[in-house]
């Protein structure tokens, strides 16, 4: 359900009010944060219906990733494809693997977009 709301928000981000309303709705109902500014790959999955997770705006998540509950991903983070994120991820780093581990820290996000 959350993945579908994210998809709708991305499609409608040219109309400023609709994505904001959808973000507030997701936060109230699911206690989560998934901004439409984040870049998320295909087949992204959230365990347990996506309860209590936080993804910041300047995040890039690869294809086929799985994210656990109560996990926060900081700003300027790149999550490699097929990764399983089960712990909080600090800002400005690259994570990958099963479970996801920090590969590189202190990155410049513009090098990866």
PDB file of N, CA and C in Angstrom:
ATOM      1  N   UNK A   1       0.824  -1.198   0.000  1.00  0.00           N
ATOM      2  CA  UNK A   1       0.000   0.000   0.000  1.00  0.00           C
ATOM      3  C   UNK A   1       0.866   1.259   0.000  1.00  0.00           C
ATOM      4  N   UNK A   2       1.912   1.261   0.843  1.00  0.00           N
ATOM      5  CA  UNK A   2       2.776   2.437   0.925  1.00  0.00           C
ATOM      6  C   UNK A   2       3.505   2.644  -0.391  1.00  0.00           C
ATOM      7  N   UNK A   3       3.933   1.541  -1.034  1.00  0.00           N
ATOM      8  CA  UNK A   3       4.623   1.653  -2.305  1.00  0.00           C
ATOM      9  C   UNK A   3       3.722   2.289  -3.357  1.00  0.00           C
ATOM     10  N   UNK A   4       2.429   1.947  -3.338  1.00  0.00           N
ATOM     11  CA  UNK A   4       1.484   2.526  -4.293  1.00  0.00           C
ATOM     12  C   UNK A   4       1.269   4.012  -4.021  1.00  0.00           C
ATOM     13  N   UNK A   5       1.177   4.391  -2.732  1.00  0.00           N
ATOM     14  CA  UNK A   5       1.038   5.817  -2.398  1.00  0.00           C
ATOM     15  C   UNK A   5       2.260   6.605  -2.848  1.00  0.00           C
ATOM     16  N   UNK A   6       3.458   6.013  -2.697  1.00  0.00           N
ATOM     17  CA  UNK A   6       4.684   6.665  -3.154  1.00  0.00           C
ATOM     18  C   UNK A   6       4.632   6.869  -4.667  1.00  0.00           C
ATOM     19  N   UNK A   7       4.207   5.842  -5.399  1.00  0.00           N
ATOM     20  CA  UNK A   7       4.110   5.947  -6.853  1.00  0.00           C
ATOM     21  C   UNK A   7       3.140   7.035  -7.292  1.00  0.00           C
ATOM     22  N   UNK A   8       2.026   7.136  -6.610  1.00  0.00           N
ATOM     23  CA  UNK A   8       1.045   8.183  -6.922  1.00  0.00           C
ATOM     24  C   UNK A   8       1.635   9.559  -6.638  1.00  0.00           C
ATOM     25  N   UNK A   9       2.335   9.696  -5.520  1.00  0.00           N
ATOM     26  CA  UNK A   9       2.930  10.987  -5.167  1.00  0.00           C
ATOM     27  C   UNK A   9       3.975  11.411  -6.186  1.00  0.00           C
ATOM     28  N   UNK A  10       4.784  10.462  -6.680  1.00  0.00           N
ATOM     29  CA  UNK A  10       5.793  10.785  -7.689  1.00  0.00           C
ATOM     30  C   UNK A  10       5.130  11.246  -8.974  1.00  0.00           C
ATOM     31  N   UNK A  11       4.063  10.563  -9.387  1.00  0.00           N
ATOM     32  CA  UNK A  11       3.375  10.946 -10.616  1.00  0.00           C
ATOM     33  C   UNK A  11       2.709  12.317 -10.508  1.00  0.00           C
ATOM     34  N   UNK A  12       2.235  12.657  -9.319  1.00  0.00           N
ATOM     35  CA  UNK A  12       1.489  13.894  -9.145  1.00  0.00           C
ATOM     36  C   UNK A  12       2.302  15.019  -8.510  1.00  0.00           C
ATOM     37  N   UNK A  13       3.643  14.898  -8.480  1.00  0.00           N
ATOM     38  CA  UNK A  13       4.435  15.921  -7.789  1.00  0.00           C
ATOM     39  C   UNK A  13       4.411  17.281  -8.485  1.00  0.00           C
ATOM     40  N   UNK A  14       3.886  17.353  -9.700  1.00  0.00           N
ATOM     41  CA  UNK A  14       3.739  18.646 -10.370  1.00  0.00           C
ATOM     42  C   UNK A  14       2.609  19.461  -9.768  1.00  0.00           C
ATOM     43  N   UNK A  15       1.698  18.788  -9.067  1.00  0.00           N
ATOM     44  CA  UNK A  15       0.625  19.472  -8.340  1.00  0.00           C
ATOM     45  C   UNK A  15       1.048  19.478  -6.875  1.00  0.00           C
ATOM     46  N   UNK A  16       1.580  20.583  -6.356  1.00  0.00           N
ATOM     47  CA  UNK A  16       2.260  20.594  -5.065  1.00  0.00           C
ATOM     48  C   UNK A  16       1.438  20.109  -3.875  1.00  0.00           C
ATOM     49  N   UNK A  17       0.162  20.303  -3.853  1.00  0.00           N
ATOM     50  CA  UNK A  17      -0.628  19.969  -2.678  1.00  0.00           C
ATOM     51  C   UNK A  17      -0.832  18.462  -2.512  1.00  0.00           C
ATOM     52  N   UNK A  18      -1.007  17.740  -3.595  1.00  0.00           N
ATOM     53  CA  UNK A  18      -1.333  16.315  -3.511  1.00  0.00           C
ATOM     54  C   UNK A  18      -0.214  15.490  -2.871  1.00  0.00           C
ATOM     55  N   UNK A  19       1.067  15.614  -3.287  1.00  0.00           N
ATOM     56  CA  UNK A  19       2.107  14.828  -2.612  1.00  0.00           C
ATOM     57  C   UNK A  19       2.231  15.150  -1.116  1.00  0.00           C
ATOM     58  N   UNK A  20       2.027  16.395  -0.749  1.00  0.00           N
ATOM     59  CA  UNK A  20       2.116  16.771   0.661  1.00  0.00           C
ATOM     60  C   UNK A  20       1.002  16.107   1.458  1.00  0.00           C
ATOM     61  N   UNK A  21      -0.203  16.097   0.908  1.00  0.00           N
ATOM     62  CA  UNK A  21      -1.331  15.442   1.582  1.00  0.00           C
ATOM     63  C   UNK A  21      -1.072  13.938   1.716  1.00  0.00           C
ATOM     64  N   UNK A  22      -0.554  13.304   0.648  1.00  0.00           N
ATOM     65  CA  UNK A  22      -0.258  11.874   0.708  1.00  0.00           C
ATOM     66  C   UNK A  22       0.843  11.575   1.734  1.00  0.00           C
ATOM     67  N   UNK A  23       1.857  12.427   1.826  1.00  0.00           N
ATOM     68  CA  UNK A  23       2.919  12.228   2.823  1.00  0.00           C
ATOM     69  C   UNK A  23       2.354  12.318   4.240  1.00  0.00           C
ATOM     70  N   UNK A  24       1.511  13.284   4.488  1.00  0.00           N
ATOM     71  CA  UNK A  24       0.899  13.428   5.816  1.00  0.00           C
ATOM     72  C   UNK A  24       0.015  12.225   6.144  1.00  0.00           C
ATOM     73  N   UNK A  25      -0.733  11.749   5.153  1.00  0.00           N
ATOM     74  CA  UNK A  25      -1.587  10.581   5.345  1.00  0.00           C
ATOM     75  C   UNK A  25      -0.752   9.352   5.717  1.00  0.00           C
ATOM     76  N   UNK A  26       0.346   9.104   4.969  1.00  0.00           N
ATOM     77  CA  UNK A  26       1.218   7.964   5.266  1.00  0.00           C
ATOM     78  C   UNK A  26       1.786   8.061   6.670  1.00  0.00           C
ATOM     79  N   UNK A  27       2.188   9.266   7.049  1.00  0.00           N
ATOM     80  CA  UNK A  27       2.778   9.455   8.377  1.00  0.00           C
ATOM     81  C   UNK A  27       1.757   9.184   9.479  1.00  0.00           C
ATOM     82  N   UNK A  28       0.536   9.650   9.301  1.00  0.00           N
ATOM     83  CA  UNK A  28      -0.494   9.459  10.324  1.00  0.00           C
ATOM     84  C   UNK A  28      -0.925   8.004  10.439  1.00  0.00           C
ATOM     85  N   UNK A  29      -1.117   7.333   9.317  1.00  0.00           N
ATOM     86  CA  UNK A  29      -1.655   5.977   9.338  1.00  0.00           C
ATOM     87  C   UNK A  29      -0.575   4.934   9.642  1.00  0.00           C
ATOM     88  N   UNK A  30       0.587   5.062   9.026  1.00  0.00           N
ATOM     89  CA  UNK A  30       1.607   4.023   9.129  1.00  0.00           C
ATOM     90  C   UNK A  30       2.795   4.406  10.018  1.00  0.00           C
ATOM     91  N   UNK A  31       2.832   5.616  10.558  1.00  0.00           N
ATOM     92  CA  UNK A  31       3.970   6.086  11.362  1.00  0.00           C
ATOM     93  C   UNK A  31       5.277   5.922  10.598  1.00  0.00           C
ATOM     94  N   UNK A  32       5.278   6.357   9.350  1.00  0.00           N
ATOM     95  CA  UNK A  32       6.467   6.233   8.524  1.00  0.00           C
ATOM     96  C   UNK A  32       6.680   7.505   7.714  1.00  0.00           C
ATOM     97  N   UNK A  33       7.879   7.602   7.134  1.00  0.00           N
ATOM     98  CA  UNK A  33       8.203   8.759   6.305  1.00  0.00           C
ATOM     99  C   UNK A  33       8.856   8.280   5.014  1.00  0.00           C
ATOM    100  N   UNK A  34       8.193   8.503   3.904  1.00  0.00           N
ATOM    101  CA  UNK A  34       8.713   8.159   2.582  1.00  0.00           C
ATOM    102  C   UNK A  34       8.440   9.333   1.652  1.00  0.00           C
ATOM    103  N   UNK A  35       9.363  10.315   1.598  1.00  0.00           N
ATOM    104  CA  UNK A  35       9.120  11.503   0.776  1.00  0.00           C
ATOM    105  C   UNK A  35       9.176  11.185  -0.716  1.00  0.00           C
ATOM    106  N   UNK A  36       8.400  11.919  -1.479  1.00  0.00           N
ATOM    107  CA  UNK A  36       8.370  11.694  -2.920  1.00  0.00           C
ATOM    108  C   UNK A  36       9.666  12.130  -3.591  1.00  0.00           C
ATOM    109  N   UNK A  37      10.529  12.881  -2.900  1.00  0.00           N
ATOM    110  CA  UNK A  37      11.799  13.313  -3.467  1.00  0.00           C
ATOM    111  C   UNK A  37      12.847  12.193  -3.477  1.00  0.00           C
ATOM    112  N   UNK A  38      12.655  11.163  -2.671  1.00  0.00           N
ATOM    113  CA  UNK A  38      13.596  10.039  -2.644  1.00  0.00           C
ATOM    114  C   UNK A  38      13.498   9.258  -3.948  1.00  0.00           C
ATOM    115  N   UNK A  39      14.626   8.697  -4.388  1.00  0.00           N
ATOM    116  CA  UNK A  39      14.664   7.888  -5.594  1.00  0.00           C
ATOM    117  C   UNK A  39      14.682   6.422  -5.176  1.00  0.00           C
ATOM    118  N   UNK A  40      13.646   5.681  -5.571  1.00  0.00           N
ATOM    119  CA  UNK A  40      13.507   4.298  -5.139  1.00  0.00           C
ATOM    120  C   UNK A  40      13.356   3.401  -6.356  1.00  0.00           C
ATOM    121  N   UNK A  41      14.153   2.323  -6.398  1.00  0.00           N
ATOM    122  CA  UNK A  41      14.146   1.391  -7.520  1.00  0.00           C
ATOM    123  C   UNK A  41      12.921   0.489  -7.542  1.00  0.00           C
ATOM    124  N   UNK A  42      12.850  -0.312  -8.578  1.00  0.00           N
ATOM    125  CA  UNK A  42      11.731  -1.246  -8.753  1.00  0.00           C
ATOM    126  C   UNK A  42      11.758  -2.344  -7.700  1.00  0.00           C
ATOM    127  N   UNK A  43      10.603  -2.878  -7.387  1.00  0.00           N
ATOM    128  CA  UNK A  43      10.428  -4.002  -6.466  1.00  0.00           C
ATOM    129  C   UNK A  43      10.955  -3.729  -5.058  1.00  0.00           C
ATOM    130  N   UNK A  44      10.895  -2.494  -4.622  1.00  0.00           N
ATOM    131  CA  UNK A  44      11.263  -2.139  -3.256  1.00  0.00           C
ATOM    132  C   UNK A  44      10.195  -2.687  -2.315  1.00  0.00           C
ATOM    133  N   UNK A  45      10.611  -3.390  -1.281  1.00  0.00           N
ATOM    134  CA  UNK A  45       9.664  -4.011  -0.354  1.00  0.00           C
ATOM    135  C   UNK A  45       9.919  -3.530   1.071  1.00  0.00           C
ATOM    136  N   UNK A  46       8.842  -3.425   1.833  1.00  0.00           N
ATOM    137  CA  UNK A  46       8.904  -3.052   3.239  1.00  0.00           C
ATOM    138  C   UNK A  46       8.377  -4.219   4.067  1.00  0.00           C
ATOM    139  N   UNK A  47       9.149  -4.655   5.056  1.00  0.00           N
ATOM    140  CA  UNK A  47       8.674  -5.772   5.867  1.00  0.00           C
ATOM    141  C   UNK A  47       7.588  -5.310   6.833  1.00  0.00           C
ATOM    142  N   UNK A  48       6.684  -6.185   7.150  1.00  0.00           N
ATOM    143  CA  UNK A  48       5.579  -5.938   8.087  1.00  0.00           C
ATOM    144  C   UNK A  48       4.751  -4.711   7.709  1.00  0.00           C
ATOM    145  N   UNK A  49       4.522  -4.506   6.445  1.00  0.00           N
ATOM    146  CA  UNK A  49       3.675  -3.415   5.996  1.00  0.00           C
ATOM    147  C   UNK A  49       4.302  -2.037   6.097  1.00  0.00           C
ATOM    148  N   UNK A  50       5.593  -1.966   6.396  1.00  0.00           N
ATOM    149  CA  UNK A  50       6.282  -0.684   6.437  1.00  0.00           C
ATOM    150  C   UNK A  50       6.020   0.145   7.675  1.00  0.00           C
ATOM    151  N   UNK A  51       5.904  -0.484   8.808  1.00  0.00           N
ATOM    152  CA  UNK A  51       5.638   0.263  10.038  1.00  0.00           C
ATOM    153  C   UNK A  51       6.908   0.900  10.590  1.00  0.00           C
ATOM    154  N   UNK A  52       6.840   2.167  10.911  1.00  0.00           N
ATOM    155  CA  UNK A  52       7.881   2.867  11.649  1.00  0.00           C
ATOM    156  C   UNK A  52       9.199   3.089  10.943  1.00  0.00           C
ATOM    157  N   UNK A  53       9.232   3.203   9.646  1.00  0.00           N
ATOM    158  CA  UNK A  53      10.497   3.465   8.965  1.00  0.00           C
ATOM    159  C   UNK A  53      10.596   4.928   8.555  1.00  0.00           C
ATOM    160  N   UNK A  54      11.843   5.390   8.320  1.00  0.00           N
ATOM    161  CA  UNK A  54      12.089   6.761   7.884  1.00  0.00           C
ATOM    162  C   UNK A  54      13.114   6.726   6.758  1.00  0.00           C
ATOM    163  N   UNK A  55      12.756   7.320   5.629  1.00  0.00           N
ATOM    164  CA  UNK A  55      13.688   7.509   4.518  1.00  0.00           C
ATOM    165  C   UNK A  55      13.743   9.001   4.262  1.00  0.00           C
ATOM    166  N   UNK A  56      14.944   9.567   4.229  1.00  0.00           N
ATOM    167  CA  UNK A  56      15.081  10.999   4.015  1.00  0.00           C
ATOM    168  C   UNK A  56      15.026  11.341   2.530  1.00  0.00           C
ATOM    169  N   UNK A  57      14.883  12.638   2.247  1.00  0.00           N
ATOM    170  CA  UNK A  57      14.651  13.126   0.885  1.00  0.00           C
ATOM    171  C   UNK A  57      15.768  12.777  -0.083  1.00  0.00           C
ATOM    172  N   UNK A  58      17.009  12.976   0.324  1.00  0.00           N
ATOM    173  CA  UNK A  58      18.145  12.792  -0.590  1.00  0.00           C
ATOM    174  C   UNK A  58      18.695  11.374  -0.460  1.00  0.00           C
ATOM    175  N   UNK A  59      17.860  10.396  -0.784  1.00  0.00           N
ATOM    176  CA  UNK A  59      18.235   8.987  -0.680  1.00  0.00           C
ATOM    177  C   UNK A  59      17.995   8.321  -2.022  1.00  0.00           C
ATOM    178  N   UNK A  60      18.905   7.439  -2.405  1.00  0.00           N
ATOM    179  CA  UNK A  60      18.756   6.672  -3.642  1.00  0.00           C
ATOM    180  C   UNK A  60      18.816   5.196  -3.266  1.00  0.00           C
ATOM    181  N   UNK A  61      17.727   4.471  -3.545  1.00  0.00           N
ATOM    182  CA  UNK A  61      17.625   3.055  -3.206  1.00  0.00           C
ATOM    183  C   UNK A  61      17.538   2.258  -4.498  1.00  0.00           C
ATOM    184  N   UNK A  62      18.377   1.230  -4.621  1.00  0.00           N
ATOM    185  CA  UNK A  62      18.425   0.405  -5.820  1.00  0.00           C
ATOM    186  C   UNK A  62      17.243  -0.541  -5.946  1.00  0.00           C
ATOM    187  N   UNK A  63      17.238  -1.297  -7.030  1.00  0.00           N
ATOM    188  CA  UNK A  63      16.162  -2.253  -7.313  1.00  0.00           C
ATOM    189  C   UNK A  63      16.193  -3.430  -6.337  1.00  0.00           C
ATOM    190  N   UNK A  64      15.023  -4.021  -6.097  1.00  0.00           N
ATOM    191  CA  UNK A  64      14.859  -5.257  -5.332  1.00  0.00           C
ATOM    192  C   UNK A  64      15.377  -5.183  -3.900  1.00  0.00           C
ATOM    193  N   UNK A  65      15.268  -4.043  -3.267  1.00  0.00           N
ATOM    194  CA  UNK A  65      15.719  -3.898  -1.880  1.00  0.00           C
ATOM    195  C   UNK A  65      14.585  -4.205  -0.909  1.00  0.00           C
ATOM    196  N   UNK A  66      14.968  -4.659   0.276  1.00  0.00           N
ATOM    197  CA  UNK A  66      14.023  -4.939   1.348  1.00  0.00           C
ATOM    198  C   UNK A  66      14.430  -4.111   2.556  1.00  0.00           C
ATOM    199  N   UNK A  67      13.455  -3.495   3.214  1.00  0.00           N
ATOM    200  CA  UNK A  67      13.739  -2.671   4.381  1.00  0.00           C
ATOM    201  C   UNK A  67      12.940  -3.186   5.566  1.00  0.00           C
ATOM    202  N   UNK A  68      13.611  -3.365   6.692  1.00  0.00           N
ATOM    203  CA  UNK A  68      12.969  -3.854   7.901  1.00  0.00           C
ATOM    204  C   UNK A  68      12.157  -2.771   8.596  1.00  0.00           C
ATOM    205  N   UNK A  69      11.512  -3.148   9.681  1.00  0.00           N
ATOM    206  CA  UNK A  69      10.715  -2.182  10.448  1.00  0.00           C
ATOM    207  C   UNK A  69      11.607  -1.360  11.357  1.00  0.00           C
ATOM    208  N   UNK A  70      11.134  -0.177  11.698  1.00  0.00           N
ATOM    209  CA  UNK A  70      11.823   0.736  12.617  1.00  0.00           C
ATOM    210  C   UNK A  70      13.254   1.017  12.181  1.00  0.00           C
ATOM    211  N   UNK A  71      13.443   1.258  10.896  1.00  0.00           N
ATOM    212  CA  UNK A  71      14.758   1.555  10.333  1.00  0.00           C
ATOM    213  C   UNK A  71      14.731   2.970   9.776  1.00  0.00           C
ATOM    214  N   UNK A  72      15.806   3.721  10.016  1.00  0.00           N
ATOM    215  CA  UNK A  72      15.937   5.083   9.488  1.00  0.00           C
ATOM    216  C   UNK A  72      17.124   5.137   8.535  1.00  0.00           C
ATOM    217  N   UNK A  73      16.914   5.760   7.375  1.00  0.00           N
ATOM    218  CA  UNK A  73      17.981   5.962   6.398  1.00  0.00           C
ATOM    219  C   UNK A  73      18.235   7.457   6.321  1.00  0.00           C
ATOM    220  N   UNK A  74      19.483   7.869   6.578  1.00  0.00           N
ATOM    221  CA  UNK A  74      19.850   9.280   6.621  1.00  0.00           C
ATOM    222  C   UNK A  74      19.899   9.935   5.250  1.00  0.00           C
ATOM    223  N   UNK A  75      20.180  11.244   5.246  1.00  0.00           N
ATOM    224  CA  UNK A  75      20.318  12.001   3.999  1.00  0.00           C
ATOM    225  C   UNK A  75      21.576  11.577   3.248  1.00  0.00           C
ATOM    226  N   UNK A  76      21.542  11.745   1.924  1.00  0.00           N
ATOM    227  CA  UNK A  76      22.682  11.474   1.055  1.00  0.00           C
ATOM    228  C   UNK A  76      23.185  10.038   1.192  1.00  0.00           C
ATOM    229  N   UNK A  77      22.260   9.092   1.141  1.00  0.00           N
ATOM    230  CA  UNK A  77      22.605   7.671   1.253  1.00  0.00           C
ATOM    231  C   UNK A  77      22.262   6.972  -0.053  1.00  0.00           C
ATOM    232  N   UNK A  78      23.150   6.071  -0.477  1.00  0.00           N
ATOM    233  CA  UNK A  78      22.906   5.215  -1.626  1.00  0.00           C
ATOM    234  C   UNK A  78      22.815   3.788  -1.102  1.00  0.00           C
ATOM    235  N   UNK A  79      21.700   3.117  -1.393  1.00  0.00           N
ATOM    236  CA  UNK A  79      21.501   1.723  -0.994  1.00  0.00           C
ATOM    237  C   UNK A  79      21.624   0.881  -2.252  1.00  0.00           C
ATOM    238  N   UNK A  80      22.581  -0.054  -2.261  1.00  0.00           N
ATOM    239  CA  UNK A  80      22.821  -0.894  -3.425  1.00  0.00           C
ATOM    240  C   UNK A  80      21.661  -1.821  -3.735  1.00  0.00           C
ATOM    241  N   UNK A  81      21.588  -2.250  -4.973  1.00  0.00           N
ATOM    242  CA  UNK A  81      20.523  -3.155  -5.411  1.00  0.00           C
ATOM    243  C   UNK A  81      20.588  -4.471  -4.643  1.00  0.00           C
ATOM    244  N   UNK A  82      19.429  -5.070  -4.404  1.00  0.00           N
ATOM    245  CA  UNK A  82      19.281  -6.355  -3.719  1.00  0.00           C
ATOM    246  C   UNK A  82      19.746  -6.326  -2.266  1.00  0.00           C
ATOM    247  N   UNK A  83      19.810  -5.173  -1.658  1.00  0.00           N
ATOM    248  CA  UNK A  83      20.235  -5.056  -0.265  1.00  0.00           C
ATOM    249  C   UNK A  83      19.067  -5.289   0.679  1.00  0.00           C
ATOM    250  N   UNK A  84      19.389  -5.736   1.881  1.00  0.00           N
ATOM    251  CA  UNK A  84      18.398  -5.913   2.935  1.00  0.00           C
ATOM    252  C   UNK A  84      18.830  -5.022   4.100  1.00  0.00           C
ATOM    253  N   UNK A  85      18.095  -3.935   4.323  1.00  0.00           N
ATOM    254  CA  UNK A  85      18.443  -2.954   5.353  1.00  0.00           C
ATOM    255  C   UNK A  85      17.682  -3.314   6.628  1.00  0.00           C
ATOM    256  N   UNK A  86      18.423  -3.685   7.679  1.00  0.00           N
ATOM    257  CA  UNK A  86      17.793  -4.077   8.944  1.00  0.00           C
ATOM    258  C   UNK A  86      18.216  -3.184  10.110  1.00  0.00           C
ATOM    259  N   UNK A  87      19.206  -2.301   9.880  1.00  0.00           N
ATOM    260  CA  UNK A  87      19.665  -1.369  10.912  1.00  0.00           C
ATOM    261  C   UNK A  87      19.626   0.044  10.362  1.00  0.00           C
ATOM    262  N   UNK A  88      19.642   1.030  11.267  1.00  0.00           N
ATOM    263  CA  UNK A  88      19.691   2.428  10.845  1.00  0.00           C
ATOM    264  C   UNK A  88      20.946   2.689  10.019  1.00  0.00           C
ATOM    265  N   UNK A  89      20.814   3.570   9.024  1.00  0.00           N
ATOM    266  CA  UNK A  89      21.923   3.931   8.146  1.00  0.00           C
ATOM    267  C   UNK A  89      22.258   5.399   8.386  1.00  0.00           C
ATOM    268  N   UNK A  90      23.513   5.723   8.743  1.00  0.00           N
ATOM    269  CA  UNK A  90      23.878   7.120   8.986  1.00  0.00           C
ATOM    270  C   UNK A  90      23.925   7.910   7.673  1.00  0.00           C
ATOM    271  N   UNK A  91      23.925   9.234   7.759  1.00  0.00           N
ATOM    272  CA  UNK A  91      23.973  10.053   6.542  1.00  0.00           C
ATOM    273  C   UNK A  91      25.317   9.936   5.814  1.00  0.00           C
ATOM    274  N   UNK A  92      25.300  10.298   4.536  1.00  0.00           N
ATOM    275  CA  UNK A  92      26.489  10.410   3.692  1.00  0.00           C
ATOM    276  C   UNK A  92      27.273   9.115   3.571  1.00  0.00           C
ATOM    277  N   UNK A  93      26.604   8.027   3.172  1.00  0.00           N
ATOM    278  CA  UNK A  93      27.326   6.773   2.998  1.00  0.00           C
ATOM    279  C   UNK A  93      26.648   5.906   1.943  1.00  0.00           C
ATOM    280  N   UNK A  94      27.363   4.841   1.579  1.00  0.00           N
ATOM    281  CA  UNK A  94      26.849   3.830   0.662  1.00  0.00           C
ATOM    282  C   UNK A  94      26.730   2.539   1.454  1.00  0.00           C
ATOM    283  N   UNK A  95      25.574   1.873   1.340  1.00  0.00           N
ATOM    284  CA  UNK A  95      25.390   0.580   1.981  1.00  0.00           C
ATOM    285  C   UNK A  95      24.961  -0.439   0.939  1.00  0.00           C
ATOM    286  N   UNK A  96      25.350  -1.696   1.159  1.00  0.00           N
ATOM    287  CA  UNK A  96      24.951  -2.779   0.254  1.00  0.00           C
ATOM    288  C   UNK A  96      25.131  -4.100   0.978  1.00  0.00           C
ATOM    289  N   UNK A  97      24.454  -5.119   0.475  1.00  0.00           N
ATOM    290  CA  UNK A  97      24.622  -6.465   0.986  1.00  0.00           C
ATOM    291  C   UNK A  97      23.419  -6.985   1.735  1.00  0.00           C
ATOM    292  N   UNK A  98      23.568  -8.244   2.203  1.00  0.00           N
ATOM    293  CA  UNK A  98      22.527  -8.906   2.972  1.00  0.00           C
ATOM    294  C   UNK A  98      23.171  -9.429   4.249  1.00  0.00           C
ATOM    295  N   UNK A  99      22.979  -8.815   5.369  1.00  0.00           N
ATOM    296  CA  UNK A  99      22.327  -7.532   5.613  1.00  0.00           C
ATOM    297  C   UNK A  99      23.206  -6.378   5.128  1.00  0.00           C
ATOM    298  N   UNK A 100      22.587  -5.237   4.904  1.00  0.00           N
ATOM    299  CA  UNK A 100      23.311  -4.081   4.362  1.00  0.00           C
ATOM    300  C   UNK A 100      24.370  -3.586   5.340  1.00  0.00           C
ATOM    301  N   UNK A 101      25.568  -3.366   4.812  1.00  0.00           N
ATOM    302  CA  UNK A 101      26.688  -2.846   5.606  1.00  0.00           C
ATOM    303  C   UNK A 101      27.245  -1.617   4.904  1.00  0.00           C
ATOM    304  N   UNK A 102      27.895  -0.763   5.685  1.00  0.00           N
ATOM    305  CA  UNK A 102      28.471   0.461   5.119  1.00  0.00           C
ATOM    306  C   UNK A 102      29.673   0.084   4.261  1.00  0.00           C
ATOM    307  N   UNK A 103      29.636   0.509   2.997  1.00  0.00           N
ATOM    308  CA  UNK A 103      30.718   0.256   2.047  1.00  0.00           C
ATOM    309  C   UNK A 103      31.663   1.444   1.986  1.00  0.00           C
ATOM    310  N   UNK A 104      31.074   2.652   2.007  1.00  0.00           N
ATOM    311  CA  UNK A 104      31.884   3.879   1.910  1.00  0.00           C
ATOM    312  C   UNK A 104      31.190   4.971   2.694  1.00  0.00           C
ATOM    313  N   UNK A 105      31.967   5.786   3.393  1.00  0.00           N
ATOM    314  CA  UNK A 105      31.421   6.897   4.167  1.00  0.00           C
ATOM    315  C   UNK A 105      31.876   8.226   3.584  1.00  0.00           C
ATOM    316  N   UNK A 106      31.250   9.303   4.040  1.00  0.00           N
ATOM    317  CA  UNK A 106      31.576  10.676   3.628  1.00  0.00           C
ATOM    318  C   UNK A 106      31.538  10.836   2.114  1.00  0.00           C
ATOM    319  N   UNK A 107      30.437  10.426   1.502  1.00  0.00           N
ATOM    320  CA  UNK A 107      30.312  10.523   0.050  1.00  0.00           C
ATOM    321  C   UNK A 107      29.703  11.860  -0.350  1.00  0.00           C
ATOM    322  N   UNK A 108      29.919  12.226  -1.611  1.00  0.00           N
ATOM    323  CA  UNK A 108      29.263  13.375  -2.214  1.00  0.00           C
ATOM    324  C   UNK A 108      28.144  12.813  -3.091  1.00  0.00           C
ATOM    325  N   UNK A 109      26.913  13.071  -2.726  1.00  0.00           N
ATOM    326  CA  UNK A 109      25.757  12.483  -3.398  1.00  0.00           C
ATOM    327  C   UNK A 109      25.718  12.804  -4.893  1.00  0.00           C
ATOM    328  N   UNK A 110      26.253  13.942  -5.307  1.00  0.00           N
ATOM    329  CA  UNK A 110      26.209  14.347  -6.714  1.00  0.00           C
ATOM    330  C   UNK A 110      27.035  13.391  -7.593  1.00  0.00           C
ATOM    331  N   UNK A 111      27.967  12.649  -7.012  1.00  0.00           N
ATOM    332  CA  UNK A 111      28.749  11.679  -7.782  1.00  0.00           C
ATOM    333  C   UNK A 111      27.936  10.437  -8.135  1.00  0.00           C
ATOM    334  N   UNK A 112      26.800  10.234  -7.463  1.00  0.00           N
ATOM    335  CA  UNK A 112      26.025   9.002  -7.615  1.00  0.00           C
ATOM    336  C   UNK A 112      24.648   9.225  -8.224  1.00  0.00           C
ATOM    337  N   UNK A 113      24.352  10.417  -8.673  1.00  0.00           N
ATOM    338  CA  UNK A 113      23.046  10.691  -9.275  1.00  0.00           C
ATOM    339  C   UNK A 113      23.220  10.920 -10.756  1.00  0.00           C
TER     340      UNK A 113
END
